[in-house]
Amino acid sequence: MEACVREPLLAPATTQVAAAPNFVLVTAISPASSVVGHMAPLPEELLKEPIALDCGAVIREIRGGNTINLDVLNRLCSEVTSSFEPFLRAQGVQVRLEGPFVWDLSFLPSGDCYRCLNDVRFRFRHRVVLDRDLIGYTDVAEKTIFLTSNAWNAAFRLVFVHELFHALSIHYRVLADRPGTWQERYVAEEELAGDFTEWLGYGR
């Protein structure tokens, strides 16, 4: 299915947030002074005031890239959370959505510079997917979705919806009791997320 044409994430909006102005992007740094394997934002990378979206996701870090359109993010977020249970029912998956959904979001430059989204040498040294061209990644242990702050387009919308589905699925333990190895559950989770984005009209 072709992805739907949606409003651009950089369209004029009533609420927009620019990248943190006091952050200095470090691209050349000695290994001796680098933090290895610390995925969560460092204290100096955190926003002074976290930004809560309507669906329960909380933006805690914004670095680099373009202005973030909170109105569009809220619409995407609400669309995903309101469609999550109906989609699972349509797939024959039974789940009880108990308790509030809370998950963190970090928006990062997409390169492999120090502490950027594809910094697999330091920040993301221990993530499961070590590709250097990701534009979105969900980490179970940190309960965080890490997203590019550079590519606000249809591909970004697809990845945002895909990763938010993962966060909801993990939070509500959709496949936690599925028989098989963790690799088999991982494949099943990816397939389900792809079905979800296609079901909503974003492609897969």
Protein backbone atom coordinates (compact mmCIF):
# COMPACT_ATOMS: atom_id res chain seq x y z
CA MET A 1 0.00 0.00 0.00
CA GLU A 2 1.27 3.47 -0.85
CA ALA A 3 1.90 5.83 2.03
CA CYS A 4 -0.72 8.53 2.50
CA VAL A 5 0.16 12.14 1.79
CA ARG A 6 0.20 13.87 5.16
CA GLU A 7 0.84 17.43 6.23
CA PRO A 8 4.58 18.25 6.40
CA LEU A 9 6.13 18.17 9.82
CA LEU A 10 7.76 21.50 9.10
CA ALA A 11 4.55 23.23 8.06
CA PRO A 12 3.54 26.36 10.00
CA ALA A 13 2.16 25.34 13.36
CA THR A 14 0.93 27.00 16.50
CA THR A 15 3.52 25.25 18.63
CA GLN A 16 7.08 24.68 17.47
CA VAL A 17 10.24 23.93 19.40
CA ALA A 18 13.75 24.56 18.15
CA ALA A 19 16.76 22.45 19.05
CA ALA A 20 18.30 23.20 22.42
CA PRO A 21 20.26 26.42 21.83
CA ASN A 22 22.89 25.83 24.48
CA PHE A 23 24.13 22.49 23.11
CA VAL A 24 27.49 22.39 21.36
CA LEU A 25 27.80 19.48 18.94
CA VAL A 26 31.13 17.76 19.51
CA THR A 27 32.40 15.99 16.40
CA ALA A 28 36.07 15.58 17.32
CA ILE A 29 36.75 14.16 20.74
CA SER A 30 39.40 11.92 22.21
CA PRO A 31 38.27 8.41 23.26
CA ALA A 32 39.68 9.02 26.72
CA SER A 33 37.08 11.72 27.39
CA SER A 34 34.13 9.94 25.75
CA VAL A 35 31.27 8.17 27.50
CA VAL A 36 30.83 4.63 26.18
CA GLY A 37 27.52 2.77 26.11
CA HIS A 38 25.43 5.43 27.89
CA MET A 39 22.34 5.61 25.66
CA ALA A 40 20.24 7.84 27.89
CA PRO A 41 20.77 11.59 27.59
CA LEU A 42 23.54 13.00 29.73
CA PRO A 43 22.45 15.71 32.20
CA GLU A 44 23.72 18.47 29.94
CA GLU A 45 21.78 17.03 26.97
CA LEU A 46 18.39 17.08 28.69
CA LEU A 47 15.84 19.78 27.96
CA LYS A 48 15.38 22.11 30.90
CA GLU A 49 11.65 21.38 30.70
CA PRO A 50 10.53 18.01 29.22
CA ILE A 51 7.77 18.26 26.61
CA ALA A 52 4.85 15.89 27.20
CA LEU A 53 2.89 14.82 24.13
CA ASP A 54 -0.81 14.01 24.34
CA CYS A 55 -0.27 10.26 24.02
CA GLY A 56 2.06 9.90 27.03
CA ALA A 57 5.40 10.14 25.22
CA VAL A 58 7.77 12.73 26.68
CA ILE A 59 10.46 14.58 24.69
CA ARG A 60 13.54 14.86 26.89
CA GLU A 61 16.24 15.69 24.36
CA ILE A 62 16.34 17.76 21.16
CA ARG A 63 19.64 18.37 19.40
CA GLY A 64 20.46 19.50 15.89
CA GLY A 65 18.20 19.44 12.87
CA ASN A 66 15.09 21.44 12.19
CA THR A 67 12.32 22.99 14.24
CA ILE A 68 10.02 20.34 15.68
CA ASN A 69 6.32 20.73 14.95
CA LEU A 70 4.61 19.62 18.16
CA ASP A 71 1.12 19.87 16.68
CA VAL A 72 1.92 17.28 14.02
CA LEU A 73 3.78 15.06 16.50
CA ASN A 74 0.76 15.16 18.79
CA ARG A 75 -1.55 14.19 15.93
CA LEU A 76 0.70 11.28 14.95
CA CYS A 77 1.04 10.21 18.56
CA SER A 78 -2.70 10.31 19.16
CA GLU A 79 -3.39 8.46 15.91
CA VAL A 80 -1.05 5.65 16.91
CA THR A 81 -2.37 5.24 20.45
CA SER A 82 -6.04 5.37 19.39
CA SER A 83 -5.44 2.84 16.59
CA PHE A 84 -3.24 0.45 18.58
CA GLU A 85 -5.95 -1.68 20.23
CA PRO A 86 -8.33 -1.78 17.20
CA PHE A 87 -5.42 -2.92 15.02
CA LEU A 88 -4.48 -5.71 17.44
CA ARG A 89 -8.11 -6.88 17.62
CA ALA A 90 -8.23 -6.95 13.81
CA GLN A 91 -5.11 -9.15 13.87
CA GLY A 92 -6.65 -11.49 16.43
CA VAL A 93 -4.17 -10.41 19.12
CA GLN A 94 -5.61 -10.17 22.61
CA VAL A 95 -4.08 -7.59 24.93
CA ARG A 96 -5.12 -5.71 28.06
CA LEU A 97 -4.08 -2.07 28.01
CA GLU A 98 -3.60 -1.56 31.72
CA GLY A 99 -1.89 1.48 33.19
CA PRO A 100 -0.78 4.73 31.54
CA PHE A 101 1.66 4.65 28.65
CA VAL A 102 4.84 6.63 29.37
CA TRP A 103 7.87 6.57 27.06
CA ASP A 104 10.73 8.97 26.40
CA LEU A 105 11.76 10.55 23.08
CA SER A 106 15.18 11.84 22.06
CA PHE A 107 15.72 13.76 18.79
CA LEU A 108 19.33 13.60 17.62
CA PRO A 109 21.47 14.50 14.60
CA SER A 110 21.41 11.47 12.31
CA GLY A 111 25.15 11.09 11.71
CA ASP A 112 27.74 8.98 13.50
CA CYS A 113 29.31 11.93 15.32
CA TYR A 114 29.80 11.62 19.08
CA ARG A 115 26.44 11.13 20.91
CA CYS A 116 24.50 11.32 17.62
CA LEU A 117 21.86 8.82 16.48
CA ASN A 118 24.31 6.52 14.70
CA ASP A 119 27.21 6.83 17.11
CA VAL A 120 27.73 3.07 17.46
CA ARG A 121 31.28 3.63 18.67
CA PHE A 122 30.28 5.34 21.90
CA ARG A 123 26.67 6.19 22.78
CA PHE A 124 24.99 3.25 20.99
CA ARG A 125 27.85 0.79 21.36
CA HIS A 126 25.54 -1.83 22.90
CA ARG A 127 22.35 -1.40 20.90
CA VAL A 128 20.97 -4.43 19.09
CA VAL A 129 21.00 -2.81 15.63
CA LEU A 130 24.43 -1.41 14.77
CA ASP A 131 23.56 0.04 11.36
CA ARG A 132 24.95 3.53 10.79
CA ASP A 133 22.00 4.83 8.79
CA LEU A 134 19.06 4.48 11.20
CA ILE A 135 16.54 7.29 11.50
CA GLY A 136 14.75 5.71 14.45
CA TYR A 137 15.47 3.17 17.16
CA THR A 138 13.54 1.94 20.23
CA ASP A 139 15.44 0.74 23.26
CA VAL A 140 13.67 -1.51 25.76
CA ALA A 141 15.99 -0.96 28.72
CA GLU A 142 15.96 2.84 28.42
CA LYS A 143 12.25 2.98 27.50
CA THR A 144 13.22 5.55 24.90
CA ILE A 145 12.68 6.12 21.19
CA PHE A 146 15.71 7.75 19.58
CA LEU A 147 14.85 9.63 16.37
CA THR A 148 16.61 11.75 13.80
CA SER A 149 16.15 15.50 14.06
CA ASN A 150 17.30 15.97 10.44
CA ALA A 151 14.75 14.28 8.15
CA TRP A 152 11.23 15.59 8.68
CA ASN A 153 9.45 13.95 5.77
CA ALA A 154 7.24 10.99 4.85
CA ALA A 155 10.03 8.55 5.72
CA PHE A 156 10.31 10.12 9.17
CA ARG A 157 6.54 9.82 9.73
CA LEU A 158 6.68 6.14 8.81
CA VAL A 159 9.56 5.51 11.21
CA PHE A 160 7.97 7.56 14.01
CA VAL A 161 4.73 5.55 13.78
CA HIS A 162 6.68 2.28 13.50
CA GLU A 163 8.83 3.00 16.55
CA LEU A 164 5.92 4.25 18.62
CA PHE A 165 4.13 0.98 17.87
CA HIS A 166 7.18 -0.87 19.22
CA ALA A 167 7.08 1.23 22.38
CA LEU A 168 3.39 0.51 22.95
CA SER A 169 3.86 -3.19 22.18
CA ILE A 170 6.75 -3.45 24.62
CA HIS A 171 4.96 -1.42 27.29
CA TYR A 172 1.81 -3.57 27.10
CA ARG A 173 3.76 -6.83 26.64
CA VAL A 174 1.94 -7.75 23.43
CA LEU A 175 4.39 -10.52 22.44
CA ALA A 176 6.09 -11.08 25.80
CA ASP A 177 4.50 -14.51 26.28
CA ARG A 178 4.85 -15.64 22.69
CA PRO A 179 6.66 -19.02 22.49
CA GLY A 180 10.05 -19.12 20.84
CA THR A 181 13.44 -17.47 21.09
CA TRP A 182 13.94 -13.73 21.51
CA GLN A 183 15.10 -13.62 17.89
CA GLU A 184 11.80 -15.14 16.77
CA ARG A 185 9.86 -12.66 18.91
CA TYR A 186 11.96 -9.85 17.43
CA VAL A 187 11.05 -10.91 13.89
CA ALA A 188 7.37 -11.23 14.85
CA GLU A 189 7.45 -7.77 16.46
CA GLU A 190 8.98 -6.21 13.34
CA GLU A 191 6.38 -7.89 11.14
CA LEU A 192 3.54 -6.67 13.36
CA ALA A 193 4.91 -3.11 13.37
CA GLY A 194 5.12 -3.18 9.57
CA ASP A 195 1.54 -4.44 9.35
CA PHE A 196 0.46 -1.60 11.65
CA THR A 197 2.06 1.20 9.62
CA GLU A 198 0.62 -0.27 6.44
CA TRP A 199 -2.81 -0.58 8.10
CA LEU A 200 -2.70 3.15 8.89
CA GLY A 201 -1.66 4.01 5.34
CA TYR A 202 1.99 4.96 5.92
CA GLY A 203 3.47 2.01 4.04
CA ARG A 204 6.02 -0.33 5.59
